[in-house]
Amino acid sequence: MSGGEQQMLAIARGLLSSPDLLLIDEPTEGLMPSL
């Protein structure tokens, strides 16, 4: 998958633990402006 799709996957995987708090480190790095 593309870098943007992999970032979406990483966030989705983190959400599957049903967190109350999500810590997100530099999610937009290297992504195209539209993404």
Full PDB file with SEQRES, HELIX, SHEET, SSBOND, CRYST1, ORIGX, SCALE, CONECT and MASTER records, all heavy atoms in Angstrom:
SEQRES   1 A   35  MET SER GLY GLY GLU GLN GLN MET LEU ALA ILE ALA ARG          
SEQRES   2 A   35  GLY LEU LEU SER SER PRO ASP LEU LEU LEU ILE ASP GLU          
SEQRES   3 A   35  PRO THR GLU GLY LEU MET PRO SER LEU                          
HELIX    1 AA1 GLY A    3  LEU A   15  1                                  13    
CRYST1    1.000    1.000    1.000  90.00  90.00  90.00 P 1           1          
ORIGX1      1.000000  0.000000  0.000000        0.00000                         
ORIGX2      0.000000  1.000000  0.000000        0.00000                         
ORIGX3      0.000000  0.000000  1.000000        0.00000                         
SCALE1      1.000000  0.000000  0.000000        0.00000                         
SCALE2      0.000000  1.000000  0.000000        0.00000                         
SCALE3      0.000000  0.000000  1.000000        0.00000                         
ATOM      1  N   MET A   1       0.829  -1.199   0.000  1.00  0.00           N  
ATOM      2  CA  MET A   1       0.000   0.000   0.000  1.00  0.00           C  
ATOM      3  C   MET A   1       0.868   1.256   0.000  1.00  0.00           C  
ATOM      4  O   MET A   1       2.056   1.217   0.338  1.00  0.00           O  
ATOM      5  CB  MET A   1      -0.932   0.003   1.211  1.00  0.00           C  
ATOM      6  CG  MET A   1      -1.924  -1.139   1.206  1.00  0.00           C  
ATOM      7  SD  MET A   1      -3.302  -0.842   2.343  1.00  0.00           S  
ATOM      8  CE  MET A   1      -2.446  -0.522   3.862  1.00  0.00           C  
ATOM      9  N   SER A   2       0.258   2.377  -0.373  1.00  0.00           N  
ATOM     10  CA  SER A   2       0.958   3.658  -0.352  1.00  0.00           C  
ATOM     11  C   SER A   2       1.225   4.097   1.084  1.00  0.00           C  
ATOM     12  O   SER A   2       0.637   3.561   2.039  1.00  0.00           O  
ATOM     13  CB  SER A   2       0.120   4.727  -1.061  1.00  0.00           C  
ATOM     14  OG  SER A   2      -1.036   5.039  -0.284  1.00  0.00           O  
ATOM     15  N   GLY A   3       2.089   5.109   1.228  1.00  0.00           N  
ATOM     16  CA  GLY A   3       2.402   5.611   2.567  1.00  0.00           C  
ATOM     17  C   GLY A   3       1.176   6.141   3.281  1.00  0.00           C  
ATOM     18  O   GLY A   3       0.998   5.933   4.481  1.00  0.00           O  
ATOM     19  N   GLY A   4       0.306   6.825   2.543  1.00  0.00           N  
ATOM     20  CA  GLY A   4      -0.910   7.348   3.157  1.00  0.00           C  
ATOM     21  C   GLY A   4      -1.838   6.252   3.623  1.00  0.00           C  
ATOM     22  O   GLY A   4      -2.426   6.329   4.706  1.00  0.00           O  
ATOM     23  N   GLU A   5      -1.958   5.199   2.811  1.00  0.00           N  
ATOM     24  CA  GLU A   5      -2.810   4.073   3.194  1.00  0.00           C  
ATOM     25  C   GLU A   5      -2.235   3.346   4.404  1.00  0.00           C  
ATOM     26  O   GLU A   5      -2.982   2.901   5.287  1.00  0.00           O  
ATOM     27  CB  GLU A   5      -2.955   3.126   2.008  1.00  0.00           C  
ATOM     28  CG  GLU A   5      -3.789   3.696   0.874  1.00  0.00           C  
ATOM     29  CD  GLU A   5      -3.675   2.909  -0.415  1.00  0.00           C  
ATOM     30  OE1 GLU A   5      -2.678   2.158  -0.582  1.00  0.00           O  
ATOM     31  OE2 GLU A   5      -4.568   3.028  -1.261  1.00  0.00           O  
ATOM     32  N   GLN A   6      -0.920   3.239   4.461  1.00  0.00           N  
ATOM     33  CA  GLN A   6      -0.292   2.604   5.625  1.00  0.00           C  
ATOM     34  C   GLN A   6      -0.513   3.424   6.890  1.00  0.00           C  
ATOM     35  O   GLN A   6      -0.694   2.868   7.973  1.00  0.00           O  
ATOM     36  CB  GLN A   6       1.197   2.396   5.362  1.00  0.00           C  
ATOM     37  CG  GLN A   6       1.490   1.353   4.306  1.00  0.00           C  
ATOM     38  CD  GLN A   6       2.968   1.135   4.088  1.00  0.00           C  
ATOM     39  OE1 GLN A   6       3.803   1.548   4.894  1.00  0.00           O  
ATOM     40  NE2 GLN A   6       3.325   0.486   2.985  1.00  0.00           N  
ATOM     41  N   GLN A   7      -0.515   4.745   6.753  1.00  0.00           N  
ATOM     42  CA  GLN A   7      -0.788   5.585   7.921  1.00  0.00           C  
ATOM     43  C   GLN A   7      -2.221   5.382   8.396  1.00  0.00           C  
ATOM     44  O   GLN A   7      -2.481   5.304   9.604  1.00  0.00           O  
ATOM     45  CB  GLN A   7      -0.554   7.054   7.566  1.00  0.00           C  
ATOM     46  CG  GLN A   7      -0.755   8.021   8.723  1.00  0.00           C  
ATOM     47  CD  GLN A   7       0.240   7.786   9.846  1.00  0.00           C  
ATOM     48  OE1 GLN A   7       0.031   6.923  10.714  1.00  0.00           O  
ATOM     49  NE2 GLN A   7       1.322   8.522   9.825  1.00  0.00           N  
ATOM     50  N   MET A   8      -3.151   5.285   7.461  1.00  0.00           N  
ATOM     51  CA  MET A   8      -4.542   5.013   7.825  1.00  0.00           C  
ATOM     52  C   MET A   8      -4.652   3.666   8.538  1.00  0.00           C  
ATOM     53  O   MET A   8      -5.377   3.522   9.526  1.00  0.00           O  
ATOM     54  CB  MET A   8      -5.433   5.010   6.582  1.00  0.00           C  
ATOM     55  CG  MET A   8      -5.425   6.275   5.768  1.00  0.00           C  
ATOM     56  SD  MET A   8      -6.116   7.709   6.614  1.00  0.00           S  
ATOM     57  CE  MET A   8      -6.038   8.929   5.285  1.00  0.00           C  
ATOM     58  N   LEU A   9      -3.911   2.679   8.049  1.00  0.00           N  
ATOM     59  CA  LEU A   9      -3.929   1.353   8.663  1.00  0.00           C  
ATOM     60  C   LEU A   9      -3.388   1.408  10.089  1.00  0.00           C  
ATOM     61  O   LEU A   9      -3.943   0.777  10.997  1.00  0.00           O  
ATOM     62  CB  LEU A   9      -3.109   0.376   7.818  1.00  0.00           C  
ATOM     63  CG  LEU A   9      -2.931  -1.039   8.374  1.00  0.00           C  
ATOM     64  CD1 LEU A   9      -4.272  -1.707   8.657  1.00  0.00           C  
ATOM     65  CD2 LEU A   9      -2.098  -1.890   7.403  1.00  0.00           C  
ATOM     66  N   ALA A  10      -2.312   2.155  10.293  1.00  0.00           N  
ATOM     67  CA  ALA A  10      -1.735   2.265  11.636  1.00  0.00           C  
ATOM     68  C   ALA A  10      -2.732   2.882  12.615  1.00  0.00           C  
ATOM     69  O   ALA A  10      -2.864   2.431  13.759  1.00  0.00           O  
ATOM     70  CB  ALA A  10      -0.450   3.096  11.586  1.00  0.00           C  
ATOM     71  N   ILE A  11      -3.445   3.905  12.171  1.00  0.00           N  
ATOM     72  CA  ILE A  11      -4.435   4.546  13.048  1.00  0.00           C  
ATOM     73  C   ILE A  11      -5.601   3.604  13.308  1.00  0.00           C  
ATOM     74  O   ILE A  11      -6.068   3.461  14.447  1.00  0.00           O  
ATOM     75  CB  ILE A  11      -4.917   5.865  12.427  1.00  0.00           C  
ATOM     76  CG1 ILE A  11      -3.762   6.859  12.353  1.00  0.00           C  
ATOM     77  CG2 ILE A  11      -6.068   6.458  13.242  1.00  0.00           C  
ATOM     78  CD1 ILE A  11      -4.077   8.105  11.553  1.00  0.00           C  
ATOM     79  N   ALA A  12      -6.065   2.930  12.249  1.00  0.00           N  
ATOM     80  CA  ALA A  12      -7.182   1.991  12.421  1.00  0.00           C  
ATOM     81  C   ALA A  12      -6.811   0.882  13.387  1.00  0.00           C  
ATOM     82  O   ALA A  12      -7.607   0.495  14.252  1.00  0.00           O  
ATOM     83  CB  ALA A  12      -7.573   1.404  11.059  1.00  0.00           C  
ATOM     84  N   ARG A  13      -5.602   0.364  13.263  1.00  0.00           N  
ATOM     85  CA  ARG A  13      -5.159  -0.707  14.166  1.00  0.00           C  
ATOM     86  C   ARG A  13      -5.119  -0.210  15.609  1.00  0.00           C  
ATOM     87  O   ARG A  13      -5.513  -0.924  16.537  1.00  0.00           O  
ATOM     88  CB  ARG A  13      -3.782  -1.219  13.735  1.00  0.00           C  
ATOM     89  CG  ARG A  13      -3.296  -2.426  14.520  1.00  0.00           C  
ATOM     90  CD  ARG A  13      -1.938  -2.894  14.008  1.00  0.00           C  
ATOM     91  NE  ARG A  13      -0.928  -1.845  14.144  1.00  0.00           N  
ATOM     92  CZ  ARG A  13       0.309  -1.930  13.652  1.00  0.00           C  
ATOM     93  NH1 ARG A  13       0.667  -3.009  12.960  1.00  0.00           N  
ATOM     94  NH2 ARG A  13       1.176  -0.959  13.812  1.00  0.00           N  
ATOM     95  N   GLY A  14      -4.654   1.032  15.807  1.00  0.00           N  
ATOM     96  CA  GLY A  14      -4.629   1.593  17.153  1.00  0.00           C  
ATOM     97  C   GLY A  14      -6.015   1.745  17.748  1.00  0.00           C  
ATOM     98  O   GLY A  14      -6.209   1.575  18.954  1.00  0.00           O  
ATOM     99  N   LEU A  15      -6.995   2.039  16.907  1.00  0.00           N  
ATOM    100  CA  LEU A  15      -8.368   2.212  17.392  1.00  0.00           C  
ATOM    101  C   LEU A  15      -9.015   0.890  17.789  1.00  0.00           C  
ATOM    102  O   LEU A  15      -9.966   0.877  18.567  1.00  0.00           O  
ATOM    103  CB  LEU A  15      -9.219   2.884  16.320  1.00  0.00           C  
ATOM    104  CG  LEU A  15      -9.006   4.384  16.119  1.00  0.00           C  
ATOM    105  CD1 LEU A  15      -9.758   4.852  14.886  1.00  0.00           C  
ATOM    106  CD2 LEU A  15      -9.444   5.161  17.352  1.00  0.00           C  
ATOM    107  N   LEU A  16      -8.490  -0.224  17.260  1.00  0.00           N  
ATOM    108  CA  LEU A  16      -9.110  -1.514  17.543  1.00  0.00           C  
ATOM    109  C   LEU A  16      -8.897  -1.990  18.978  1.00  0.00           C  
ATOM    110  O   LEU A  16      -9.504  -2.963  19.401  1.00  0.00           O  
ATOM    111  CB  LEU A  16      -8.639  -2.566  16.540  1.00  0.00           C  
ATOM    112  CG  LEU A  16      -9.522  -2.603  15.289  1.00  0.00           C  
ATOM    113  CD1 LEU A  16      -8.816  -3.238  14.121  1.00  0.00           C  
ATOM    114  CD2 LEU A  16     -10.822  -3.342  15.581  1.00  0.00           C  
ATOM    115  N   SER A  17      -8.065  -1.309  19.722  1.00  0.00           N  
ATOM    116  CA  SER A  17      -7.950  -1.615  21.148  1.00  0.00           C  
ATOM    117  C   SER A  17      -8.987  -0.844  21.962  1.00  0.00           C  
ATOM    118  O   SER A  17      -8.978  -0.896  23.194  1.00  0.00           O  
ATOM    119  CB  SER A  17      -6.543  -1.289  21.657  1.00  0.00           C  
ATOM    120  OG  SER A  17      -6.291   0.100  21.572  1.00  0.00           O  
ATOM    121  N   SER A  18      -9.866  -0.108  21.265  1.00  0.00           N  
ATOM    122  CA  SER A  18     -10.925   0.691  21.918  1.00  0.00           C  
ATOM    123  C   SER A  18     -10.354   1.636  22.973  1.00  0.00           C  
ATOM    124  O   SER A  18     -10.778   1.629  24.137  1.00  0.00           O  
ATOM    125  CB  SER A  18     -11.981  -0.230  22.543  1.00  0.00           C  
ATOM    126  OG  SER A  18     -12.569  -1.054  21.560  1.00  0.00           O  
ATOM    127  N   PRO A  19      -9.387   2.489  22.584  1.00  0.00           N  
ATOM    128  CA  PRO A  19      -8.745   3.356  23.575  1.00  0.00           C  
ATOM    129  C   PRO A  19      -9.629   4.517  24.010  1.00  0.00           C  
ATOM    130  O   PRO A  19     -10.529   4.952  23.279  1.00  0.00           O  
ATOM    131  CB  PRO A  19      -7.517   3.878  22.814  1.00  0.00           C  
ATOM    132  CG  PRO A  19      -7.981   3.924  21.381  1.00  0.00           C  
ATOM    133  CD  PRO A  19      -8.868   2.716  21.227  1.00  0.00           C  
ATOM    134  N   ASP A  20      -9.355   5.017  25.195  1.00  0.00           N  
ATOM    135  CA  ASP A  20      -9.933   6.287  25.628  1.00  0.00           C  
ATOM    136  C   ASP A  20      -9.096   7.452  25.116  1.00  0.00           C  
ATOM    137  O   ASP A  20      -9.595   8.554  24.937  1.00  0.00           O  
ATOM    138  CB  ASP A  20      -9.989   6.364  27.156  1.00  0.00           C  
ATOM    139  CG  ASP A  20     -10.884   5.293  27.752  1.00  0.00           C  
ATOM    140  OD1 ASP A  20     -11.937   5.001  27.150  1.00  0.00           O  
ATOM    141  OD2 ASP A  20     -10.531   4.745  28.811  1.00  0.00           O  
ATOM    142  N   LEU A  21      -7.786   7.177  24.925  1.00  0.00           N  
ATOM    143  CA  LEU A  21      -6.829   8.212  24.512  1.00  0.00           C  
ATOM    144  C   LEU A  21      -5.919   7.649  23.440  1.00  0.00           C  
ATOM    145  O   LEU A  21      -5.336   6.582  23.605  1.00  0.00           O  
ATOM    146  CB  LEU A  21      -5.998   8.678  25.715  1.00  0.00           C  
ATOM    147  CG  LEU A  21      -4.816   9.602  25.424  1.00  0.00           C  
ATOM    148  CD1 LEU A  21      -5.290  10.934  24.834  1.00  0.00           C  
ATOM    149  CD2 LEU A  21      -4.004   9.841  26.705  1.00  0.00           C  
ATOM    150  N   LEU A  22      -5.790   8.387  22.343  1.00  0.00           N  
ATOM    151  CA  LEU A  22      -4.922   7.999  21.235  1.00  0.00           C  
ATOM    152  C   LEU A  22      -3.755   8.980  21.175  1.00  0.00           C  
ATOM    153  O   LEU A  22      -3.959  10.197  21.057  1.00  0.00           O  
ATOM    154  CB  LEU A  22      -5.725   8.032  19.934  1.00  0.00           C  
ATOM    155  CG  LEU A  22      -5.230   7.238  18.723  1.00  0.00           C  
ATOM    156  CD1 LEU A  22      -5.089   5.748  19.043  1.00  0.00           C  
ATOM    157  CD2 LEU A  22      -6.181   7.435  17.545  1.00  0.00           C  
ATOM    158  N   LEU A  23      -2.537   8.457  21.280  1.00  0.00           N  
ATOM    159  CA  LEU A  23      -1.323   9.255  21.109  1.00  0.00           C  
ATOM    160  C   LEU A  23      -0.871   9.093  19.662  1.00  0.00           C  
ATOM    161  O   LEU A  23      -0.618   7.975  19.212  1.00  0.00           O  
ATOM    162  CB  LEU A  23      -0.213   8.773  22.047  1.00  0.00           C  
ATOM    163  CG  LEU A  23      -0.560   8.550  23.526  1.00  0.00           C  
ATOM    164  CD1 LEU A  23       0.654   8.004  24.271  1.00  0.00           C  
ATOM    165  CD2 LEU A  23      -1.061   9.840  24.161  1.00  0.00           C  
ATOM    166  N   ILE A  24      -0.745  10.186  18.929  1.00  0.00           N  
ATOM    167  CA  ILE A  24      -0.437  10.106  17.503  1.00  0.00           C  
ATOM    168  C   ILE A  24       0.807  10.938  17.206  1.00  0.00           C  
ATOM    169  O   ILE A  24       0.825  12.148  17.440  1.00  0.00           O  
ATOM    170  CB  ILE A  24      -1.614  10.596  16.640  1.00  0.00           C  
ATOM    171  CG1 ILE A  24      -2.917   9.932  17.081  1.00  0.00           C  
ATOM    172  CG2 ILE A  24      -1.342  10.307  15.173  1.00  0.00           C  
ATOM    173  CD1 ILE A  24      -4.117  10.382  16.285  1.00  0.00           C  
ATOM    174  N   ASP A  25       1.830  10.278  16.663  1.00  0.00           N  
ATOM    175  CA  ASP A  25       3.125  10.918  16.434  1.00  0.00           C  
ATOM    176  C   ASP A  25       3.334  11.204  14.949  1.00  0.00           C  
ATOM    177  O   ASP A  25       3.500  10.290  14.144  1.00  0.00           O  
ATOM    178  CB  ASP A  25       4.240   9.996  16.957  1.00  0.00           C  
ATOM    179  CG  ASP A  25       5.570  10.724  17.096  1.00  0.00           C  
ATOM    180  OD1 ASP A  25       5.631  11.925  16.762  1.00  0.00           O  
ATOM    181  OD2 ASP A  25       6.547  10.087  17.542  1.00  0.00           O  
ATOM    182  N   GLU A  26       3.317  12.485  14.593  1.00  0.00           N  
ATOM    183  CA  GLU A  26       3.615  12.970  13.233  1.00  0.00           C  
ATOM    184  C   GLU A  26       2.812  12.231  12.150  1.00  0.00           C  
ATOM    185  O   GLU A  26       3.379  11.659  11.214  1.00  0.00           O  
ATOM    186  CB  GLU A  26       5.123  12.832  12.944  1.00  0.00           C  
ATOM    187  CG  GLU A  26       6.027  13.557  13.910  1.00  0.00           C  
ATOM    188  CD  GLU A  26       6.061  15.074  13.700  1.00  0.00           C  
ATOM    189  OE1 GLU A  26       5.292  15.583  12.869  1.00  0.00           O  
ATOM    190  OE2 GLU A  26       6.844  15.743  14.382  1.00  0.00           O  
ATOM    191  N   PRO A  27       1.488  12.240  12.225  1.00  0.00           N  
ATOM    192  CA  PRO A  27       0.705  11.451  11.273  1.00  0.00           C  
ATOM    193  C   PRO A  27       0.750  11.962   9.837  1.00  0.00           C  
ATOM    194  O   PRO A  27       0.507  11.192   8.903  1.00  0.00           O  
ATOM    195  CB  PRO A  27      -0.718  11.532  11.825  1.00  0.00           C  
ATOM    196  CG  PRO A  27      -0.744  12.815  12.582  1.00  0.00           C  
ATOM    197  CD  PRO A  27       0.622  12.929  13.199  1.00  0.00           C  
ATOM    198  N   THR A  28       1.051  13.253   9.625  1.00  0.00           N  
ATOM    199  CA  THR A  28       0.995  13.791   8.263  1.00  0.00           C  
ATOM    200  C   THR A  28       2.351  13.797   7.566  1.00  0.00           C  
ATOM    201  O   THR A  28       2.436  14.202   6.401  1.00  0.00           O  
ATOM    202  CB  THR A  28       0.445  15.229   8.255  1.00  0.00           C  
ATOM    203  OG1 THR A  28       1.392  16.116   8.865  1.00  0.00           O  
ATOM    204  CG2 THR A  28      -0.883  15.304   8.993  1.00  0.00           C  
ATOM    205  N   GLU A  29       3.393  13.349   8.245  1.00  0.00           N  
ATOM    206  CA  GLU A  29       4.733  13.420   7.661  1.00  0.00           C  
ATOM    207  C   GLU A  29       4.804  12.613   6.357  1.00  0.00           C  
ATOM    208  O   GLU A  29       4.456  11.441   6.308  1.00  0.00           O  
ATOM    209  CB  GLU A  29       5.776  12.884   8.644  1.00  0.00           C  
ATOM    210  CG  GLU A  29       7.198  13.055   8.154  1.00  0.00           C  
ATOM    211  CD  GLU A  29       8.222  12.630   9.185  1.00  0.00           C  
ATOM    212  OE1 GLU A  29       7.856  11.888  10.117  1.00  0.00           O  
ATOM    213  OE2 GLU A  29       9.384  13.036   9.062  1.00  0.00           O  
ATOM    214  N   GLY A  30       5.248  13.268   5.299  1.00  0.00           N  
ATOM    215  CA  GLY A  30       5.447  12.602   4.020  1.00  0.00           C  
ATOM    216  C   GLY A  30       4.184  12.395   3.206  1.00  0.00           C  
ATOM    217  O   GLY A  30       4.249  11.773   2.137  1.00  0.00           O  
ATOM    218  N   LEU A  31       3.044  12.895   3.657  1.00  0.00           N  
ATOM    219  CA  LEU A  31       1.797  12.678   2.935  1.00  0.00           C  
ATOM    220  C   LEU A  31       1.514  13.823   1.963  1.00  0.00           C  
ATOM    221  O   LEU A  31       1.866  14.972   2.212  1.00  0.00           O  
ATOM    222  CB  LEU A  31       0.624  12.553   3.915  1.00  0.00           C  
ATOM    223  CG  LEU A  31       0.670  11.417   4.935  1.00  0.00           C  
ATOM    224  CD1 LEU A  31      -0.650  11.354   5.675  1.00  0.00           C  
ATOM    225  CD2 LEU A  31       0.989  10.082   4.284  1.00  0.00           C  
ATOM    226  N   MET A  32       0.850  13.499   0.869  1.00  0.00           N  
ATOM    227  CA  MET A  32       0.418  14.510  -0.087  1.00  0.00           C  
ATOM    228  C   MET A  32      -0.621  15.418   0.560  1.00  0.00           C  
ATOM    229  O   MET A  32      -1.359  14.988   1.454  1.00  0.00           O  
ATOM    230  CB  MET A  32      -0.191  13.851  -1.325  1.00  0.00           C  
ATOM    231  CG  MET A  32       0.767  13.009  -2.135  1.00  0.00           C  
ATOM    232  SD  MET A  32      -0.022  12.371  -3.632  1.00  0.00           S  
ATOM    233  CE  MET A  32      -1.385  11.413  -2.943  1.00  0.00           C  
ATOM    234  N   PRO A  33      -0.702  16.694   0.116  1.00  0.00           N  
ATOM    235  CA  PRO A  33      -1.657  17.633   0.726  1.00  0.00           C  
ATOM    236  C   PRO A  33      -3.097  17.117   0.754  1.00  0.00           C  
ATOM    237  O   PRO A  33      -3.817  17.334   1.734  1.00  0.00           O  
ATOM    238  CB  PRO A  33      -1.524  18.873  -0.160  1.00  0.00           C  
ATOM    239  CG  PRO A  33      -0.123  18.816  -0.670  1.00  0.00           C  
ATOM    240  CD  PRO A  33       0.175  17.358  -0.865  1.00  0.00           C  
ATOM    241  N   SER A  34      -3.529  16.426  -0.296  1.00  0.00           N  
ATOM    242  CA  SER A  34      -4.909  15.923  -0.310  1.00  0.00           C  
ATOM    243  C   SER A  34      -5.126  14.882   0.781  1.00  0.00           C  
ATOM    244  O   SER A  34      -6.202  14.832   1.406  1.00  0.00           O  
ATOM    245  CB  SER A  34      -5.244  15.324  -1.673  1.00  0.00           C  
ATOM    246  OG  SER A  34      -4.362  14.248  -1.977  1.00  0.00           O  
ATOM    247  N   LEU A  35      -4.105  14.057   1.038  1.00  0.00           N  
ATOM    248  CA  LEU A  35      -4.211  13.052   2.097  1.00  0.00           C  
ATOM    249  C   LEU A  35      -4.132  13.685   3.476  1.00  0.00           C  
ATOM    250  O   LEU A  35      -4.753  13.200   4.420  1.00  0.00           O  
ATOM    251  CB  LEU A  35      -3.119  11.994   1.934  1.00  0.00           C  
ATOM    252  CG  LEU A  35      -3.334  10.982   0.808  1.00  0.00           C  
ATOM    253  CD1 LEU A  35      -2.128  10.062   0.690  1.00  0.00           C  
ATOM    254  CD2 LEU A  35      -4.594  10.163   1.050  1.00  0.00           C  
TER     255      LEU A  35                                                      
MASTER        0    0    0    1    0    0    0    6  254    1    0    3          
END                                                                             
